[in-house]
């Protein structure tokens, strides 16, 4: 039954001032929160027009500043970080607009938590609008303002009964692997800038540094470590995560590195030694520190990265042969060489093997076929694996100054984790899958790898970093 509070979604009339508009939405979100009991609130959304995707995209593009202010008011991210995430998401999501596989009766399910970046939320949201008839979302209070705004172009209904608990993805972060052949200035810039980003799945929270450049790199990076943005310093949860990690490091007598000019208690800090899992609280964001470990040889660095990486690795090395040796030796879904967070809409990617897919038509197709965002708890059969594993082993795409190499292979047994797989043994789902394949071009068929394969995307800039 529709809740009267949901009228807020369709009655948002604002002052032209961006701050006034954002504060009105944030105030409405707090009002909704006070009217409900419990942490998560459940809603069902449907399009009002024949093009709900276009309606939402248009709203996002017209209100970039408002969305950035909403994230700051919610103490999630500073404005410049939010705008960067949204622009990246819209560039990729624009590709989704070419495809629509809406299937009657298909409902996508989501959980919007504080840990998710607005980049992930928007990509999931928009691809699902192209894949299903309706969306069902469980919203954490901190995401209520964002939800009110993004759902405004759609018809919203509050669900009174509590939905079953849905499984959340593991928390992601990036690893910076710096070799002795690196542009240390640029690598240290990337690390320093990453401290201002506490939500993206590529934020650097793990540092692997070759022994021969350890001293020089730290000398370069420490003066670049600026104060945390105020939005983080205002968050008690951020303080608690930081201080908990520093307390653990102190008890273990680990070395701490920070900007000597920053006298604050909570400041960008690099901790030398140990696995970063020691510093992260279960159920919380990765602590906002960077854990550094030292390797001597490239082979040792690859092994350390494969042992613990967070889902993506940014490799810094100016020798092409060594860079590719590292990239191909890493067992992660995304490898950026001498760069970070570079994407192209045509290439599908994920931040975990067998996990949700972003980018390209495949993201829309997978959602249409498999419907649920979470709760993947069935094991695939060998027969299904043989039937649907139709993939091209290598795809090459050049976008701008970047070369994207997407390697696809059968999902390895090491990644056959129940939480990352979907069973498609029902005849209805199999028939739907075949129906889509029959309507696709050969190229689409070869690349429709679905959750039964693992993709690894390697990205590197050319013409600048590497000599021809």
Protein backbone atom coordinates (compact mmCIF):
# COMPACT_ATOMS: atom_id res chain seq x y z
CA UNK A 1 0.00 0.00 0.00
CA UNK A 2 1.35 3.39 -0.95
CA UNK A 3 2.56 5.44 1.96
CA UNK A 4 1.63 9.12 2.00
CA UNK A 5 5.26 9.99 2.69
CA UNK A 6 6.12 8.68 -0.77
CA UNK A 7 4.33 11.71 -2.18
CA UNK A 8 7.60 13.48 -1.41
CA UNK A 9 9.04 11.68 -4.42
CA UNK A 10 6.71 13.43 -6.83
CA UNK A 11 6.19 16.79 -5.14
CA UNK A 12 9.72 18.14 -4.96
CA UNK A 13 9.52 21.83 -5.85
CA UNK A 14 12.63 23.75 -4.97
CA UNK A 15 14.26 27.10 -4.86
CA UNK A 16 16.69 27.61 -7.74
CA UNK A 17 19.55 27.74 -5.24
CA UNK A 18 21.44 24.42 -5.22
CA UNK A 19 21.99 24.43 -1.45
CA UNK A 20 18.33 25.14 -0.76
CA UNK A 21 17.33 22.32 -3.07
CA UNK A 22 19.71 19.86 -1.44
CA UNK A 23 18.70 20.88 2.09
CA UNK A 24 15.01 20.43 1.20
CA UNK A 25 15.63 16.87 -0.03
CA UNK A 26 17.81 16.11 3.00
CA UNK A 27 15.13 17.48 5.35
CA UNK A 28 12.48 15.34 3.62
CA UNK A 29 14.74 12.32 4.03
CA UNK A 30 15.04 12.93 7.75
CA UNK A 31 11.26 13.24 7.96
CA UNK A 32 10.84 9.88 6.22
CA UNK A 33 13.39 8.36 8.59
CA UNK A 34 11.57 9.60 11.69
CA UNK A 35 8.32 8.10 10.43
CA UNK A 36 9.71 4.57 10.17
CA UNK A 37 11.11 2.04 12.61
CA UNK A 38 14.28 0.07 11.92
CA UNK A 39 17.49 0.67 10.03
CA UNK A 40 16.44 -0.23 6.51
CA UNK A 41 13.35 1.00 4.67
CA UNK A 42 11.87 -0.87 1.73
CA UNK A 43 10.45 0.59 -1.49
CA UNK A 44 9.20 -0.59 -4.86
CA UNK A 45 9.77 1.59 -7.92
CA UNK A 46 8.28 1.60 -11.42
CA UNK A 47 8.64 3.97 -14.33
CA UNK A 48 6.03 6.65 -14.90
CA UNK A 49 6.84 6.96 -18.61
CA UNK A 50 7.95 4.62 -21.37
CA UNK A 51 11.56 5.70 -20.76
CA UNK A 52 12.34 5.59 -17.03
CA UNK A 53 16.04 5.22 -17.83
CA UNK A 54 16.08 8.49 -19.77
CA UNK A 55 14.07 10.25 -17.08
CA UNK A 56 16.54 9.33 -14.35
CA UNK A 57 19.62 10.10 -16.48
CA UNK A 58 18.22 13.53 -17.35
CA UNK A 59 17.52 14.25 -13.68
CA UNK A 60 21.07 13.25 -12.66
CA UNK A 61 22.71 15.33 -15.39
CA UNK A 62 20.64 18.40 -14.49
CA UNK A 63 21.34 18.14 -10.77
CA UNK A 64 24.98 17.08 -10.42
CA UNK A 65 25.67 19.80 -7.82
CA UNK A 66 22.61 18.82 -5.79
CA UNK A 67 23.63 15.17 -5.64
CA UNK A 68 27.16 16.18 -4.62
CA UNK A 69 25.77 18.30 -1.79
CA UNK A 70 23.44 15.51 -0.65
CA UNK A 71 26.38 13.11 -0.28
CA UNK A 72 28.26 15.73 1.73
CA UNK A 73 25.27 16.44 3.99
CA UNK A 74 25.04 12.71 4.65
CA UNK A 75 28.76 12.70 5.62
CA UNK A 76 29.56 10.19 2.87
CA UNK A 77 31.91 11.99 0.48
CA UNK A 78 33.17 15.49 -0.36
CA UNK A 79 31.58 17.19 -3.36
CA UNK A 80 34.51 16.85 -5.76
CA UNK A 81 34.73 13.09 -5.14
CA UNK A 82 30.99 12.62 -5.69
CA UNK A 83 31.03 14.60 -8.94
CA UNK A 84 33.93 12.53 -10.22
CA UNK A 85 32.06 9.30 -9.42
CA UNK A 86 28.86 10.49 -11.08
CA UNK A 87 30.62 11.60 -14.26
CA UNK A 88 32.35 8.22 -14.55
CA UNK A 89 29.06 6.41 -13.96
CA UNK A 90 27.14 8.47 -16.51
CA UNK A 91 29.80 7.91 -19.17
CA UNK A 92 29.40 4.15 -18.75
CA UNK A 93 25.63 4.19 -18.21
CA UNK A 94 25.15 6.16 -21.41
CA UNK A 95 26.06 2.94 -23.18
CA UNK A 96 23.18 1.15 -21.41
CA UNK A 97 20.70 3.49 -23.07
CA UNK A 98 21.11 1.63 -26.36
CA UNK A 99 19.73 -1.57 -24.88
CA UNK A 100 16.46 -2.47 -23.22
CA UNK A 101 15.59 -6.01 -22.14
CA UNK A 102 12.74 -5.20 -19.79
CA UNK A 103 10.88 -8.38 -19.03
CA UNK A 104 7.36 -8.39 -17.51
CA UNK A 105 7.35 -9.48 -13.91
CA UNK A 106 11.11 -9.16 -13.40
CA UNK A 107 11.96 -7.20 -10.25
CA UNK A 108 15.51 -6.17 -9.45
CA UNK A 109 16.52 -6.16 -5.76
CA UNK A 110 19.09 -3.86 -4.13
CA UNK A 111 20.50 -2.84 -0.79
CA UNK A 112 21.78 0.74 -0.60
CA UNK A 113 24.25 1.03 2.26
CA UNK A 114 26.71 3.71 3.30
CA UNK A 115 29.58 1.53 2.10
CA UNK A 116 28.46 1.64 -1.55
CA UNK A 117 29.84 4.47 -3.67
CA UNK A 118 27.46 6.62 -5.69
CA UNK A 119 29.35 5.27 -8.73
CA UNK A 120 28.15 1.73 -8.00
CA UNK A 121 24.64 2.83 -7.00
CA UNK A 122 24.01 4.80 -10.19
CA UNK A 123 25.40 2.09 -12.49
CA UNK A 124 23.35 -0.62 -10.78
CA UNK A 125 20.25 1.57 -10.73
CA UNK A 126 20.40 2.56 -14.42
CA UNK A 127 21.29 -0.87 -15.79
CA UNK A 128 18.40 -2.36 -13.81
CA UNK A 129 15.97 0.16 -15.26
CA UNK A 130 16.86 -1.30 -18.67
CA UNK A 131 16.57 -4.89 -17.47
CA UNK A 132 13.38 -5.22 -15.42
CA UNK A 133 9.86 -3.96 -14.95
CA UNK A 134 10.31 -2.86 -11.35
CA UNK A 135 12.97 -2.28 -8.69
CA UNK A 136 12.79 -3.20 -5.03
CA UNK A 137 15.25 -1.35 -2.81
CA UNK A 138 16.19 -1.57 0.85
CA UNK A 139 17.57 1.82 1.84
CA UNK A 140 19.82 2.56 4.80
CA UNK A 141 19.00 5.88 6.55
CA UNK A 142 22.23 7.51 5.37
CA UNK A 143 21.16 6.86 1.77
CA UNK A 144 17.59 8.10 2.14
CA UNK A 145 18.25 11.56 0.68
CA UNK A 146 19.99 10.07 -2.35
CA UNK A 147 17.13 7.62 -2.78
CA UNK A 148 14.50 10.37 -2.60
CA UNK A 149 16.27 12.29 -5.31
CA UNK A 150 17.09 9.43 -7.70
CA UNK A 151 13.60 7.97 -7.39
CA UNK A 152 11.79 11.29 -7.97
CA UNK A 153 11.19 10.61 -11.71
CA UNK A 154 9.68 7.19 -10.89
CA UNK A 155 6.52 5.96 -9.20
CA UNK A 156 7.45 4.89 -5.65
CA UNK A 157 5.59 2.73 -3.17
CA UNK A 158 6.63 2.05 0.41
CA UNK A 159 6.58 -1.64 1.28
CA UNK A 160 5.19 -2.12 4.75
CA UNK A 161 6.41 -5.67 5.31
CA UNK A 162 10.13 -6.20 5.84
CA UNK A 163 11.91 -7.90 2.96
CA UNK A 164 14.12 -10.92 3.65
CA UNK A 165 17.69 -10.07 4.50
CA UNK A 166 19.80 -9.90 1.36
CA UNK A 167 23.47 -10.70 1.25
CA UNK A 168 25.85 -7.80 0.73
CA UNK A 169 28.99 -7.85 -1.40
CA UNK A 170 32.40 -7.81 0.24
CA UNK A 171 33.97 -4.39 0.67
CA UNK A 172 36.37 -3.41 -2.09
CA UNK A 173 39.49 -1.27 -2.23
CA UNK A 174 42.54 -0.90 -4.45
CA UNK A 175 46.19 -1.91 -4.11
CA UNK A 176 49.00 0.32 -5.38
CA UNK A 177 51.99 -1.74 -6.54
CA UNK A 178 55.05 0.45 -7.11
CA UNK A 179 58.19 -0.93 -8.77
CA UNK A 180 61.68 0.54 -9.00
CA UNK A 181 60.94 1.43 -12.65
CA UNK A 182 58.07 3.78 -11.72
CA UNK A 183 57.38 7.45 -12.15
CA UNK A 184 57.47 7.90 -8.39
CA UNK A 185 56.09 11.44 -8.53
CA UNK A 186 52.92 10.33 -10.32
CA UNK A 187 52.50 7.21 -8.19
CA UNK A 188 52.81 9.23 -5.00
CA UNK A 189 50.25 11.74 -6.35
CA UNK A 190 47.74 8.92 -6.88
CA UNK A 191 48.25 7.61 -3.36
CA UNK A 192 47.95 11.05 -1.76
CA UNK A 193 44.77 11.86 -3.69
CA UNK A 194 43.18 8.54 -2.73
CA UNK A 195 42.92 9.58 0.92
CA UNK A 196 40.14 12.02 -0.06
CA UNK A 197 38.03 9.12 -1.41
CA UNK A 198 36.53 6.82 1.20
CA UNK A 199 33.77 5.09 -0.80
CA UNK A 200 34.93 4.02 -4.27
CA UNK A 201 35.83 0.36 -4.83
CA UNK A 202 39.20 1.48 -6.26
CA UNK A 203 40.30 3.68 -3.33
CA UNK A 204 43.90 2.82 -2.43
CA UNK A 205 44.13 1.17 0.97
CA UNK A 206 46.97 -1.25 0.33
CA UNK A 207 50.50 -0.32 -0.81
CA UNK A 208 53.17 -2.71 -2.11
CA UNK A 209 56.49 -0.96 -2.56
CA UNK A 210 59.72 -2.33 -4.02
CA UNK A 211 62.51 -2.20 -1.47
CA UNK A 212 64.91 -0.17 -3.62
CA UNK A 213 62.51 2.81 -3.83
CA UNK A 214 60.96 2.67 -0.36
CA UNK A 215 62.86 5.61 1.09
CA UNK A 216 62.44 7.84 -1.97
CA UNK A 217 58.72 7.12 -2.33
CA UNK A 218 57.96 7.91 1.31
CA UNK A 219 60.01 11.08 1.04
CA UNK A 220 57.84 12.16 -1.91
CA UNK A 221 54.43 11.14 -0.61
CA UNK A 222 54.47 12.38 2.98
CA UNK A 223 54.45 16.13 2.18
CA UNK A 224 51.58 15.51 -0.26
CA UNK A 225 49.29 14.02 2.40
CA UNK A 226 46.76 16.79 2.94
CA UNK A 227 44.19 16.96 5.72
CA UNK A 228 41.14 14.75 5.39
CA UNK A 229 38.13 16.57 3.89
CA UNK A 230 35.87 18.04 6.56
CA UNK A 231 33.01 15.72 5.61
CA UNK A 232 35.07 12.81 6.99
CA UNK A 233 36.29 14.65 10.06
CA UNK A 234 32.64 15.36 10.93
CA UNK A 235 31.77 11.66 10.91
CA UNK A 236 32.02 9.78 14.19
CA UNK A 237 32.15 6.45 12.37
CA UNK A 238 35.14 7.66 10.34
CA UNK A 239 36.90 8.75 13.57
CA UNK A 240 36.22 5.41 15.21
CA UNK A 241 37.51 3.40 12.24
CA UNK A 242 40.65 5.50 12.01
CA UNK A 243 41.46 5.48 15.72
CA UNK A 244 40.75 1.75 15.99
CA UNK A 245 43.26 1.05 13.22
CA UNK A 246 45.92 3.32 14.73
CA UNK A 247 45.45 1.73 18.16
CA UNK A 248 45.99 -1.70 16.60
CA UNK A 249 49.11 -0.51 14.76
CA UNK A 250 50.50 1.04 17.95
CA UNK A 251 49.94 -2.14 19.94
CA UNK A 252 51.81 -4.08 17.24
CA UNK A 253 54.66 -1.52 17.34
CA UNK A 254 54.33 -0.79 13.62
CA UNK A 255 55.87 2.28 12.01
CA UNK A 256 53.46 5.12 11.09
CA UNK A 257 54.09 7.67 8.33
CA UNK A 258 52.14 10.91 7.89
CA UNK A 259 52.69 14.53 6.91
CA UNK A 260 54.91 15.99 9.69
CA UNK A 261 53.13 19.35 9.29
CA UNK A 262 49.72 17.85 10.06
CA UNK A 263 49.28 18.00 13.84
CA UNK A 264 45.75 16.58 13.87
CA UNK A 265 44.85 13.37 15.67
CA UNK A 266 43.02 12.04 12.58
CA UNK A 267 45.19 12.44 9.50
CA UNK A 268 46.20 10.46 6.37
CA UNK A 269 48.51 7.74 7.64
CA UNK A 270 50.56 4.92 6.13
CA UNK A 271 51.23 1.90 8.35
CA UNK A 272 54.23 -0.30 7.61
CA UNK A 273 53.75 -4.05 7.87
CA UNK A 274 51.09 -6.73 8.37
CA UNK A 275 47.97 -7.66 6.41
CA UNK A 276 45.40 -4.86 6.37
CA UNK A 277 42.65 -7.21 7.59
CA UNK A 278 44.11 -6.64 11.07
CA UNK A 279 42.90 -3.04 10.93
CA UNK A 280 39.36 -3.41 9.55
CA UNK A 281 36.27 -3.91 11.67
CA UNK A 282 33.80 -6.56 10.42
CA UNK A 283 30.78 -4.90 8.80
CA UNK A 284 32.48 -1.50 8.45
CA UNK A 285 34.33 0.31 5.68
CA UNK A 286 38.04 -0.50 5.38
CA UNK A 287 39.80 1.74 7.90
CA UNK A 288 40.93 5.00 6.23
CA UNK A 289 44.62 4.21 6.47
CA UNK A 290 47.00 2.70 3.90
CA UNK A 291 48.86 -0.46 4.89
CA UNK A 292 52.30 -0.75 3.27
CA UNK A 293 54.41 -3.84 2.72
CA UNK A 294 57.79 -4.15 1.01
CA UNK A 295 58.81 -6.62 -1.73
CA UNK A 296 62.24 -7.25 -3.21
CA UNK A 297 61.59 -8.92 -6.58
CA UNK A 298 58.74 -8.57 -9.08
CA UNK A 299 57.80 -12.21 -8.52
CA UNK A 300 57.53 -11.59 -4.77
CA UNK A 301 55.38 -8.49 -5.40
CA UNK A 302 52.98 -10.45 -7.60
CA UNK A 303 52.65 -13.11 -4.92
CA UNK A 304 51.94 -10.54 -2.20
CA UNK A 305 49.32 -8.82 -4.37
CA UNK A 306 47.60 -12.12 -5.14
CA UNK A 307 47.55 -13.02 -1.46
CA UNK A 308 45.68 -9.81 -0.57
CA UNK A 309 44.57 -7.01 -2.86
CA UNK A 310 40.96 -5.81 -2.34
CA UNK A 311 39.73 -6.46 -5.89
CA UNK A 312 41.85 -4.15 -8.09
CA UNK A 313 45.52 -3.27 -8.51
CA UNK A 314 47.18 -0.15 -9.90
CA UNK A 315 50.64 -1.17 -11.15
CA UNK A 316 53.34 1.47 -11.60
CA UNK A 317 56.16 0.45 -13.92
CA UNK A 318 57.57 2.18 -17.01
CA UNK A 319 59.13 -0.95 -18.52
CA UNK A 320 56.43 -2.44 -20.74
CA UNK A 321 57.61 -6.05 -20.55
CA UNK A 322 57.77 -6.00 -16.75
CA UNK A 323 54.45 -4.16 -16.49
CA UNK A 324 52.76 -6.85 -18.56
CA UNK A 325 54.47 -9.62 -16.63
CA UNK A 326 52.96 -8.19 -13.45
CA UNK A 327 49.54 -7.49 -14.99
CA UNK A 328 49.16 -11.00 -16.38
CA UNK A 329 50.47 -12.55 -13.18
CA UNK A 330 47.93 -10.77 -10.98
CA UNK A 331 44.81 -12.70 -10.08
CA UNK A 332 42.38 -9.76 -9.87
CA UNK A 333 39.45 -8.54 -12.02
CA UNK A 334 40.97 -5.13 -12.83
CA UNK A 335 44.58 -4.06 -13.35
CA UNK A 336 45.44 -0.46 -14.14
CA UNK A 337 48.98 0.21 -15.36
CA UNK A 338 50.35 3.67 -14.54
CA UNK A 339 46.77 4.84 -14.03
CA UNK A 340 43.75 4.39 -11.77
CA UNK A 341 39.97 4.16 -12.27
CA UNK A 342 40.01 4.36 -16.08
CA UNK A 343 36.99 2.76 -17.76
CA UNK A 344 35.39 2.52 -21.18
CA UNK A 345 31.66 1.82 -21.67
CA UNK A 346 32.26 -1.06 -24.08
CA UNK A 347 34.27 -3.22 -21.67
CA UNK A 348 32.46 -5.14 -18.90
CA UNK A 349 34.18 -5.10 -15.52
CA UNK A 350 33.68 -6.19 -11.95
CA UNK A 351 35.49 -5.63 -8.68
CA UNK A 352 35.32 -9.30 -7.74
CA UNK A 353 35.50 -12.48 -9.82
CA UNK A 354 32.01 -13.86 -10.42
CA UNK A 355 30.47 -10.72 -8.96
CA UNK A 356 28.05 -8.18 -10.34
CA UNK A 357 29.00 -6.83 -13.76
CA UNK A 358 29.26 -3.15 -14.66
CA UNK A 359 29.75 -1.59 -18.08
CA UNK A 360 28.70 -2.72 -21.57
CA UNK A 361 25.52 -4.49 -22.60
CA UNK A 362 26.48 -7.51 -20.53
CA UNK A 363 25.57 -5.71 -17.29
CA UNK A 364 22.00 -5.16 -18.54
CA UNK A 365 21.69 -8.70 -19.89
CA UNK A 366 22.88 -10.30 -16.67
CA UNK A 367 20.42 -8.32 -14.58
CA UNK A 368 17.58 -9.22 -16.92
CA UNK A 369 18.47 -12.90 -16.70
CA UNK A 370 19.39 -13.25 -13.08
CA UNK A 371 17.21 -10.55 -11.58
CA UNK A 372 18.55 -10.28 -8.04
CA UNK A 373 21.39 -8.01 -7.02
CA UNK A 374 22.12 -10.07 -3.90
CA UNK A 375 21.31 -13.48 -2.46
CA UNK A 376 23.30 -15.51 -4.99
CA UNK A 377 23.50 -18.82 -3.19
CA UNK A 378 23.24 -21.69 -5.68
CA UNK A 379 26.04 -23.68 -7.26
CA UNK A 380 26.13 -24.11 -11.04
CA UNK A 381 26.27 -27.54 -12.61
CA UNK A 382 28.98 -28.71 -15.04
CA UNK A 383 26.28 -29.01 -17.71
CA UNK A 384 25.29 -25.37 -17.32
CA UNK A 385 28.93 -24.34 -17.38
CA UNK A 386 29.46 -26.11 -20.73
CA UNK A 387 26.19 -24.83 -22.18
CA UNK A 388 26.57 -21.15 -21.39
CA UNK A 389 30.33 -20.58 -21.33
CA UNK A 390 30.51 -19.15 -24.86
CA UNK A 391 33.22 -16.53 -24.69
CA UNK A 392 36.01 -14.93 -26.63
CA UNK A 393 39.30 -15.31 -24.69
CA UNK A 394 40.64 -11.83 -25.50
CA UNK A 395 38.98 -8.53 -26.42
CA UNK A 396 40.98 -5.42 -27.26
CA UNK A 397 39.52 -1.93 -27.24
CA UNK A 398 41.31 1.39 -27.57
CA UNK A 399 39.54 4.32 -25.98
CA UNK A 400 41.21 7.72 -26.09
CA UNK A 401 44.77 7.29 -24.84
CA UNK A 402 44.01 4.01 -23.09
CA UNK A 403 44.27 0.41 -24.24
CA UNK A 404 41.71 -1.96 -22.66
CA UNK A 405 42.45 -5.66 -22.80
CA UNK A 406 39.65 -7.87 -21.48
CA UNK A 407 40.69 -11.48 -20.83
CA UNK A 408 37.88 -13.99 -20.34
CA UNK A 409 38.13 -17.55 -19.10
CA UNK A 410 36.05 -20.19 -17.35
CA UNK A 411 35.38 -19.42 -13.71
CA UNK A 412 38.04 -21.19 -11.69
CA UNK A 413 37.15 -23.50 -8.84
CA UNK A 414 38.84 -21.08 -6.43
CA UNK A 415 36.11 -18.54 -7.25
CA UNK A 416 33.18 -20.96 -7.11
CA UNK A 417 31.95 -19.41 -3.88
CA UNK A 418 28.25 -19.90 -3.24
CA UNK A 419 27.64 -16.21 -2.60
CA UNK A 420 28.93 -15.33 -6.08
CA UNK A 421 26.99 -17.82 -8.18
CA UNK A 422 23.47 -18.18 -9.56
CA UNK A 423 21.69 -21.36 -10.52
CA UNK A 424 20.00 -21.19 -13.92
CA UNK A 425 18.71 -24.74 -14.10
CA UNK A 426 15.04 -23.77 -14.49
CA UNK A 427 13.73 -24.16 -18.03
CA UNK A 428 12.23 -20.67 -17.94
CA UNK A 429 15.59 -19.01 -17.30
CA UNK A 430 17.43 -21.20 -19.79
CA UNK A 431 14.88 -20.46 -22.50
CA UNK A 432 15.12 -16.74 -21.76
CA UNK A 433 18.90 -16.95 -22.00
CA UNK A 434 18.72 -18.72 -25.39
CA UNK A 435 16.14 -16.21 -26.61
CA UNK A 436 18.53 -13.34 -25.91
CA UNK A 437 21.47 -15.14 -27.48
CA UNK A 438 19.47 -15.81 -30.65
CA UNK A 439 18.76 -12.08 -31.01
CA UNK A 440 22.38 -11.05 -30.47
CA UNK A 441 25.07 -10.57 -33.04
CA UNK A 442 28.02 -12.98 -33.04
CA UNK A 443 30.16 -10.45 -31.20
CA UNK A 444 27.58 -10.15 -28.42
CA UNK A 445 27.31 -13.91 -28.13
CA UNK A 446 31.06 -14.27 -27.80
CA UNK A 447 31.21 -11.67 -25.05
CA UNK A 448 28.10 -12.63 -23.12
CA UNK A 449 30.15 -14.43 -20.52
CA UNK A 450 27.65 -14.04 -17.63
CA UNK A 451 28.57 -15.08 -14.11
CA UNK A 452 29.96 -18.38 -15.33
CA UNK A 453 33.22 -16.83 -16.44
CA UNK A 454 35.80 -14.60 -14.88
CA UNK A 455 36.90 -11.43 -16.60
CA UNK A 456 40.16 -9.64 -16.12
CA UNK A 457 40.57 -6.20 -17.61
CA UNK A 458 44.05 -4.71 -18.07
CA UNK A 459 44.23 -0.98 -18.78
CA UNK A 460 47.29 1.02 -19.72
CA UNK A 461 47.99 4.42 -21.32
CA UNK A 462 50.11 4.38 -24.47
CA UNK A 463 52.08 6.98 -26.39
CA UNK A 464 53.07 8.74 -23.19
CA UNK A 465 54.31 6.34 -20.54
CA UNK A 466 55.82 3.68 -22.77
CA UNK A 467 58.29 4.41 -25.56
CA UNK A 468 57.27 3.22 -29.03
